[in-house]
């Protein structure tokens, strides 16, 4: 059984704790808005319209990567651009992506087999934005280990290309966000 003094003490501490949490939340919101923080989607809206058409050109040498890159770009338009992917006729902005090839450079060997390599992946972006036509080629590097099996080698090669393309999309997002911030400041 608790004493009335102890019950009052717990009640006052709960109230004080709630007030402190709300005060910290308010301070955090004020600081973020006062310092001018804006999410990248705000800057991207300065470059791209709300409706975007996405086209991925399929590479004959690596056709299995086209659906992956298309899904990733669509996800990026929805989550980061806060836009909608639409048909070409309805779009105010366009993104055309083409896989521009890759090179694989062996980094280490064991018993005559390559055990680690570097993949250099190039992705080319053609965009129609609010500013007009913009072109950007992004090169990424992925280093990975490889096993002494041709089946695993093929799967690891595809995975390395996908990792490189994902890195290229992240770099593309940063590029567009920076372009939007420059347009906002200028």
Protein backbone atom coordinates (compact mmCIF):
# COMPACT_ATOMS: atom_id res chain seq x y z
CA UNK A 1 0.00 0.00 0.00
CA UNK A 2 1.37 3.41 -0.96
CA UNK A 3 1.31 6.37 1.33
CA UNK A 4 -0.54 9.49 0.16
CA UNK A 5 2.79 11.37 0.11
CA UNK A 6 4.37 8.79 -2.22
CA UNK A 7 1.32 8.78 -4.57
CA UNK A 8 1.48 12.59 -4.81
CA UNK A 9 5.23 12.43 -5.50
CA UNK A 10 4.72 9.97 -8.40
CA UNK A 11 1.89 12.03 -9.85
CA UNK A 12 3.96 15.26 -9.75
CA UNK A 13 6.97 13.53 -11.36
CA UNK A 14 4.83 12.09 -14.18
CA UNK A 15 3.40 15.52 -14.89
CA UNK A 16 6.85 17.11 -14.79
CA UNK A 17 8.20 14.41 -17.10
CA UNK A 18 5.39 14.96 -19.63
CA UNK A 19 5.88 18.71 -19.54
CA UNK A 20 9.63 18.30 -20.05
CA UNK A 21 9.10 15.99 -23.05
CA UNK A 22 6.64 18.38 -24.69
CA UNK A 23 8.98 21.32 -24.04
CA UNK A 24 11.88 19.46 -25.69
CA UNK A 25 9.70 18.60 -28.68
CA UNK A 26 8.65 22.22 -29.09
CA UNK A 27 12.26 23.41 -28.81
CA UNK A 28 13.34 20.88 -31.47
CA UNK A 29 10.61 22.00 -33.88
CA UNK A 30 11.44 25.67 -33.32
CA UNK A 31 15.16 25.07 -33.88
CA UNK A 32 14.61 23.12 -37.09
CA UNK A 33 12.28 25.72 -38.55
CA UNK A 34 14.28 28.71 -37.27
CA UNK A 35 17.55 27.56 -38.81
CA UNK A 36 15.89 27.22 -42.20
CA UNK A 37 15.99 23.43 -42.48
CA UNK A 38 14.02 22.15 -45.44
CA UNK A 39 13.87 18.53 -46.58
CA UNK A 40 15.47 17.60 -49.90
CA UNK A 41 12.01 17.04 -51.41
CA UNK A 42 11.41 20.80 -51.05
CA UNK A 43 14.54 21.63 -53.07
CA UNK A 44 13.77 18.94 -55.65
CA UNK A 45 10.38 20.55 -56.33
CA UNK A 46 12.31 23.57 -57.64
CA UNK A 47 13.72 21.32 -60.38
CA UNK A 48 11.03 18.72 -61.11
CA UNK A 49 7.28 19.14 -61.48
CA UNK A 50 4.77 16.99 -59.58
CA UNK A 51 4.23 14.63 -62.50
CA UNK A 52 7.23 12.70 -63.78
CA UNK A 53 7.64 10.22 -66.61
CA UNK A 54 10.35 7.63 -66.00
CA UNK A 55 11.96 5.70 -68.84
CA UNK A 56 14.69 3.13 -68.38
CA UNK A 57 16.56 2.07 -71.50
CA UNK A 58 17.27 -1.64 -71.43
CA UNK A 59 20.88 -2.63 -72.00
CA UNK A 60 21.28 -5.71 -74.21
CA UNK A 61 24.27 -6.90 -72.19
CA UNK A 62 22.54 -6.50 -68.79
CA UNK A 63 18.74 -6.64 -69.40
CA UNK A 64 17.98 -8.06 -65.94
CA UNK A 65 18.88 -4.74 -64.31
CA UNK A 66 16.21 -2.67 -66.08
CA UNK A 67 13.26 -3.67 -63.80
CA UNK A 68 15.39 -3.07 -60.72
CA UNK A 69 16.39 0.44 -61.76
CA UNK A 70 12.83 1.30 -62.90
CA UNK A 71 11.40 0.26 -59.52
CA UNK A 72 14.08 2.21 -57.64
CA UNK A 73 13.50 5.39 -59.65
CA UNK A 74 9.72 5.12 -59.25
CA UNK A 75 10.20 4.68 -55.50
CA UNK A 76 12.50 7.72 -55.45
CA UNK A 77 9.93 9.87 -57.31
CA UNK A 78 7.21 8.90 -54.82
CA UNK A 79 9.23 9.12 -51.61
CA UNK A 80 11.87 11.78 -52.28
CA UNK A 81 10.37 13.98 -55.01
CA UNK A 82 6.87 13.70 -53.50
CA UNK A 83 5.66 13.39 -57.07
CA UNK A 84 3.70 10.97 -59.21
CA UNK A 85 4.94 8.74 -62.00
CA UNK A 86 2.64 9.19 -65.00
CA UNK A 87 2.47 8.46 -68.73
CA UNK A 88 4.71 10.50 -71.00
CA UNK A 89 1.78 12.54 -72.38
CA UNK A 90 0.70 13.60 -68.87
CA UNK A 91 4.17 14.37 -67.47
CA UNK A 92 5.57 17.83 -66.88
CA UNK A 93 9.05 16.40 -66.16
CA UNK A 94 10.90 13.39 -67.52
CA UNK A 95 13.79 11.20 -66.43
CA UNK A 96 15.44 8.86 -68.94
CA UNK A 97 18.02 6.52 -67.48
CA UNK A 98 20.43 4.36 -69.39
CA UNK A 99 23.00 1.96 -68.07
CA UNK A 100 26.17 3.15 -69.77
CA UNK A 101 28.23 0.05 -69.05
CA UNK A 102 30.58 -1.33 -66.46
CA UNK A 103 34.13 -2.50 -66.15
CA UNK A 104 35.47 -5.03 -63.68
CA UNK A 105 39.03 -4.71 -62.42
CA UNK A 106 40.58 -7.58 -60.45
CA UNK A 107 42.05 -6.43 -57.14
CA UNK A 108 43.36 -9.66 -55.61
CA UNK A 109 43.99 -13.28 -56.62
CA UNK A 110 44.23 -16.59 -54.79
CA UNK A 111 45.49 -19.74 -56.55
CA UNK A 112 45.10 -17.99 -59.90
CA UNK A 113 41.44 -17.02 -59.29
CA UNK A 114 40.16 -13.49 -58.77
CA UNK A 115 38.96 -13.16 -55.16
CA UNK A 116 38.19 -9.42 -55.05
CA UNK A 117 37.35 -6.94 -57.75
CA UNK A 118 36.24 -3.38 -58.34
CA UNK A 119 33.20 -2.68 -60.50
CA UNK A 120 33.01 0.73 -62.20
CA UNK A 121 29.41 1.43 -63.21
CA UNK A 122 28.26 4.35 -65.38
CA UNK A 123 24.67 5.54 -65.51
CA UNK A 124 23.48 8.30 -67.83
CA UNK A 125 20.50 10.55 -66.96
CA UNK A 126 18.61 12.68 -69.50
CA UNK A 127 16.06 14.91 -67.82
CA UNK A 128 13.41 17.36 -68.82
CA UNK A 129 13.00 19.67 -65.84
CA UNK A 130 11.45 23.05 -65.14
CA UNK A 131 14.75 24.56 -66.39
CA UNK A 132 14.78 22.60 -69.65
CA UNK A 133 16.89 19.65 -70.74
CA UNK A 134 19.68 18.49 -68.45
CA UNK A 135 22.16 15.64 -68.94
CA UNK A 136 24.22 14.00 -66.22
CA UNK A 137 26.47 10.94 -66.26
CA UNK A 138 27.33 9.41 -62.91
CA UNK A 139 30.09 6.87 -62.34
CA UNK A 140 30.19 4.75 -59.20
CA UNK A 141 32.62 2.23 -57.77
CA UNK A 142 31.74 -0.97 -55.92
CA UNK A 143 34.39 -3.27 -54.45
CA UNK A 144 33.39 -6.80 -53.54
CA UNK A 145 34.74 -10.26 -52.83
CA UNK A 146 34.13 -13.10 -55.25
CA UNK A 147 34.12 -16.87 -54.88
CA UNK A 148 35.74 -19.45 -57.13
CA UNK A 149 32.49 -20.55 -58.78
CA UNK A 150 31.17 -19.37 -62.13
CA UNK A 151 27.54 -19.56 -60.91
CA UNK A 152 28.28 -17.35 -57.92
CA UNK A 153 30.45 -15.09 -60.06
CA UNK A 154 27.54 -14.29 -62.37
CA UNK A 155 25.16 -13.56 -59.49
CA UNK A 156 27.78 -11.43 -57.72
CA UNK A 157 28.40 -9.51 -60.94
CA UNK A 158 24.69 -8.64 -61.22
CA UNK A 159 24.59 -7.70 -57.53
CA UNK A 160 27.63 -5.43 -57.95
CA UNK A 161 25.98 -3.67 -60.89
CA UNK A 162 22.78 -3.18 -58.86
CA UNK A 163 24.73 -1.78 -55.92
CA UNK A 164 26.51 0.59 -58.29
CA UNK A 165 23.22 1.68 -59.85
CA UNK A 166 21.70 2.27 -56.39
CA UNK A 167 24.72 4.43 -55.50
CA UNK A 168 24.27 6.31 -58.79
CA UNK A 169 20.63 6.99 -57.93
CA UNK A 170 21.64 8.32 -54.51
CA UNK A 171 24.20 10.59 -56.17
CA UNK A 172 21.58 11.68 -58.72
CA UNK A 173 19.22 12.57 -55.87
CA UNK A 174 21.94 14.65 -54.20
CA UNK A 175 22.71 16.36 -57.53
CA UNK A 176 19.05 17.29 -58.12
CA UNK A 177 18.63 18.44 -54.52
CA UNK A 178 21.72 20.68 -54.79
CA UNK A 179 20.45 22.08 -58.09
CA UNK A 180 17.12 22.88 -56.43
CA UNK A 181 18.83 24.61 -53.50
CA UNK A 182 20.91 26.74 -55.90
CA UNK A 183 17.78 27.72 -57.79
CA UNK A 184 16.07 28.62 -54.50
CA UNK A 185 19.00 30.79 -53.35
CA UNK A 186 19.51 32.41 -56.74
